[in-house]
Amino acid sequence: MSLLKLKSKKEPLYTSKKIVNFDENLNETKLDTIKQLKQNSSLIIGEGATIKGEIKEKNEITIQGNVDGDIECKDLIVGKTGSIKGKIKADTLTVEGNVEGEILIKDLLKMMSSSYVSGKICYGSVQINEGGKLIGEMDFKDKNILQEEFKDWKTL
């Protein structure tokens, strides 16, 4: 004796297929907006991700995971769970997590209350919130003067 009547159950028919071409439905203002978002896009390294190597980006990078290597970008944001060990070259650096290594910041180094930064640091200006920890060799450089790279210094 069968509890289910499988023979009486009918499968739905999917006969109509509709293919939508999105390029035809987008007007020029939407396309311009998409292009602008692509140009200003940023790289996000999520919590739990680990990257070893070199990262170069023309725009912004946000790090919530771990990076062991060199980073070169316009703006760098290190979240509370973020950690970097390596050489950093950026216009601005905002830190809530941990950063260790050689740090060359053209404009602003901004440290939040939960931040820990150590190493050889060159900056244009610095802002440290109460509780932020900064350890190492610090050097102010005018942003109009080209800073040469540290040649003999290695990360810890």
Protein backbone atom coordinates (compact mmCIF):
# COMPACT_ATOMS: atom_id res chain seq x y z
CA MET A 1 0.00 0.00 0.00
CA SER A 2 1.40 3.38 -1.03
CA LEU A 3 0.90 6.48 1.06
CA LEU A 4 1.85 8.79 -1.79
CA LYS A 5 0.12 8.85 -5.09
CA LEU A 6 3.07 9.72 -7.28
CA LYS A 7 1.31 8.93 -10.53
CA SER A 8 -1.29 11.63 -10.05
CA LYS A 9 1.30 14.33 -9.45
CA LYS A 10 1.97 16.38 -12.57
CA GLU A 11 5.13 18.34 -13.37
CA PRO A 12 4.61 21.95 -14.40
CA LEU A 13 5.35 22.75 -18.01
CA TYR A 14 7.96 25.38 -18.73
CA THR A 15 7.49 26.15 -22.35
CA SER A 16 7.94 29.88 -22.62
CA LYS A 17 11.51 31.15 -22.57
CA LYS A 18 12.17 34.83 -22.28
CA ILE A 19 15.69 36.10 -22.80
CA VAL A 20 16.33 39.63 -21.63
CA ASN A 21 19.17 41.59 -23.11
CA PHE A 22 20.17 44.05 -20.40
CA ASP A 23 22.22 46.18 -22.76
CA GLU A 24 19.10 47.20 -24.65
CA ASN A 25 17.23 48.17 -21.49
CA LEU A 26 19.96 50.43 -20.04
CA ASN A 27 19.94 54.04 -21.01
CA GLU A 28 23.09 56.15 -21.25
CA THR A 29 22.83 57.71 -17.79
CA LYS A 30 22.76 54.28 -16.19
CA LEU A 31 25.75 53.19 -18.27
CA ASP A 32 27.68 56.30 -17.22
CA THR A 33 26.87 55.56 -13.57
CA ILE A 34 28.11 51.97 -13.93
CA LYS A 35 31.32 53.12 -15.61
CA GLN A 36 31.91 55.66 -12.85
CA LEU A 37 31.41 52.99 -10.16
CA LYS A 38 33.92 50.73 -11.92
CA GLN A 39 36.49 53.54 -12.01
CA ASN A 40 36.06 54.34 -8.32
CA SER A 41 35.77 50.74 -7.20
CA SER A 42 37.81 49.43 -4.31
CA LEU A 43 39.35 46.14 -3.33
CA ILE A 44 37.91 44.53 -0.20
CA ILE A 45 39.70 41.73 1.63
CA GLY A 46 37.15 40.18 3.94
CA GLU A 47 37.47 38.91 7.49
CA GLY A 48 39.09 35.48 7.61
CA ALA A 49 40.88 35.89 4.26
CA THR A 50 44.68 35.57 4.19
CA ILE A 51 46.76 36.96 1.33
CA LYS A 52 50.51 36.61 0.85
CA GLY A 53 52.14 38.71 -1.84
CA GLU A 54 52.03 42.11 -3.45
CA ILE A 55 48.86 44.18 -3.94
CA LYS A 56 48.67 47.24 -6.22
CA GLU A 57 45.44 49.19 -6.66
CA LYS A 58 44.81 52.64 -8.15
CA ASN A 59 41.96 53.39 -5.77
CA GLU A 60 40.93 52.28 -2.27
CA ILE A 61 41.67 49.01 -0.46
CA THR A 62 39.78 47.87 2.63
CA ILE A 63 41.31 45.07 4.67
CA GLN A 64 39.37 43.06 7.25
CA GLY A 65 41.54 39.93 6.92
CA ASN A 66 45.30 39.27 7.00
CA VAL A 67 47.86 40.46 4.44
CA ASP A 68 51.50 39.42 4.50
CA GLY A 69 53.21 41.43 1.78
CA ASP A 70 53.52 44.81 0.11
CA ILE A 71 50.59 47.12 -0.60
CA GLU A 72 50.52 50.15 -2.88
CA CYS A 73 47.30 52.11 -3.35
CA LYS A 74 45.65 55.51 -3.06
CA ASP A 75 43.67 55.00 0.16
CA LEU A 76 44.08 52.10 2.58
CA ILE A 77 41.64 51.21 5.35
CA VAL A 78 42.47 48.51 7.90
CA GLY A 79 39.42 47.38 9.86
CA LYS A 80 39.33 46.10 13.47
CA THR A 81 39.96 42.50 12.38
CA GLY A 82 42.52 43.55 9.74
CA SER A 83 46.24 42.87 9.98
CA ILE A 84 49.10 43.82 7.64
CA LYS A 85 52.78 42.86 7.76
CA GLY A 86 54.83 44.43 5.01
CA LYS A 87 55.65 47.57 3.10
CA ILE A 88 52.82 50.08 2.59
CA LYS A 89 52.73 53.04 0.17
CA ALA A 90 49.53 55.07 0.16
CA ASP A 91 48.15 58.59 0.13
CA THR A 92 46.03 57.98 3.24
CA LEU A 93 45.97 55.18 5.80
CA THR A 94 43.16 54.65 8.30
CA VAL A 95 43.89 51.96 10.90
CA GLU A 96 41.60 50.21 13.39
CA GLY A 97 43.53 46.91 13.43
CA ASN A 98 47.25 46.01 13.30
CA VAL A 99 49.91 47.23 10.87
CA GLU A 100 53.60 46.30 11.02
CA GLY A 101 56.36 47.24 8.60
CA GLU A 102 57.63 50.08 6.49
CA ILE A 103 54.89 52.66 6.03
CA LEU A 104 55.06 55.56 3.57
CA ILE A 105 51.97 57.78 3.81
CA LYS A 106 51.85 60.86 1.59
CA ASP A 107 48.98 62.67 3.32
CA LEU A 108 47.20 61.43 6.45
CA LEU A 109 47.87 58.57 8.85
CA LYS A 110 44.71 58.20 10.93
CA MET A 111 44.75 55.82 13.88
CA MET A 112 41.59 54.85 15.71
CA SER A 113 41.40 53.84 19.39
CA SER A 114 41.85 50.11 18.70
CA SER A 115 44.82 50.51 16.33
CA TYR A 116 48.38 49.22 16.68
CA VAL A 117 51.02 50.47 14.22
CA SER A 118 54.71 49.59 14.39
CA GLY A 119 57.73 49.96 12.15
CA LYS A 120 59.42 52.72 10.20
CA ILE A 121 56.78 55.33 9.43
CA CYS A 122 56.87 58.38 7.14
CA TYR A 123 53.75 60.54 7.04
CA GLY A 124 52.45 63.91 5.87
CA SER A 125 50.16 64.36 8.87
CA VAL A 126 49.04 62.11 11.70
CA GLN A 127 45.90 61.80 13.80
CA ILE A 128 45.86 59.39 16.75
CA ASN A 129 42.69 58.79 18.73
CA GLU A 130 42.96 58.00 22.44
CA GLY A 131 44.04 54.38 22.87
CA GLY A 132 45.86 54.10 19.53
CA LYS A 133 49.38 52.66 19.79
CA LEU A 134 52.26 53.83 17.60
CA ILE A 135 55.67 52.19 18.03
CA GLY A 136 58.76 52.63 15.91
CA GLU A 137 60.76 55.21 14.00
CA MET A 138 58.65 58.12 12.81
CA ASP A 139 59.54 60.77 10.26
CA PHE A 140 57.52 63.70 8.95
CA LYS A 141 57.82 64.36 5.24
CA ASP A 142 56.35 67.25 3.32
CA LYS A 143 53.92 65.85 0.75
CA ASN A 144 55.37 68.14 -1.92
CA ILE A 145 58.83 66.54 -1.58
CA LEU A 146 59.25 63.11 -3.17
CA GLN A 147 60.15 60.56 -0.48
CA GLU A 148 62.77 58.00 -1.41
CA GLU A 149 62.16 54.45 -0.30
CA PHE A 150 63.88 52.87 2.67
CA LYS A 151 66.59 50.63 1.27
CA ASP A 152 68.13 48.97 4.30
CA TRP A 153 65.04 48.46 6.46
CA LYS A 154 63.21 45.13 6.55
CA THR A 155 59.92 44.19 8.17
CA LEU A 156 59.98 42.46 11.53
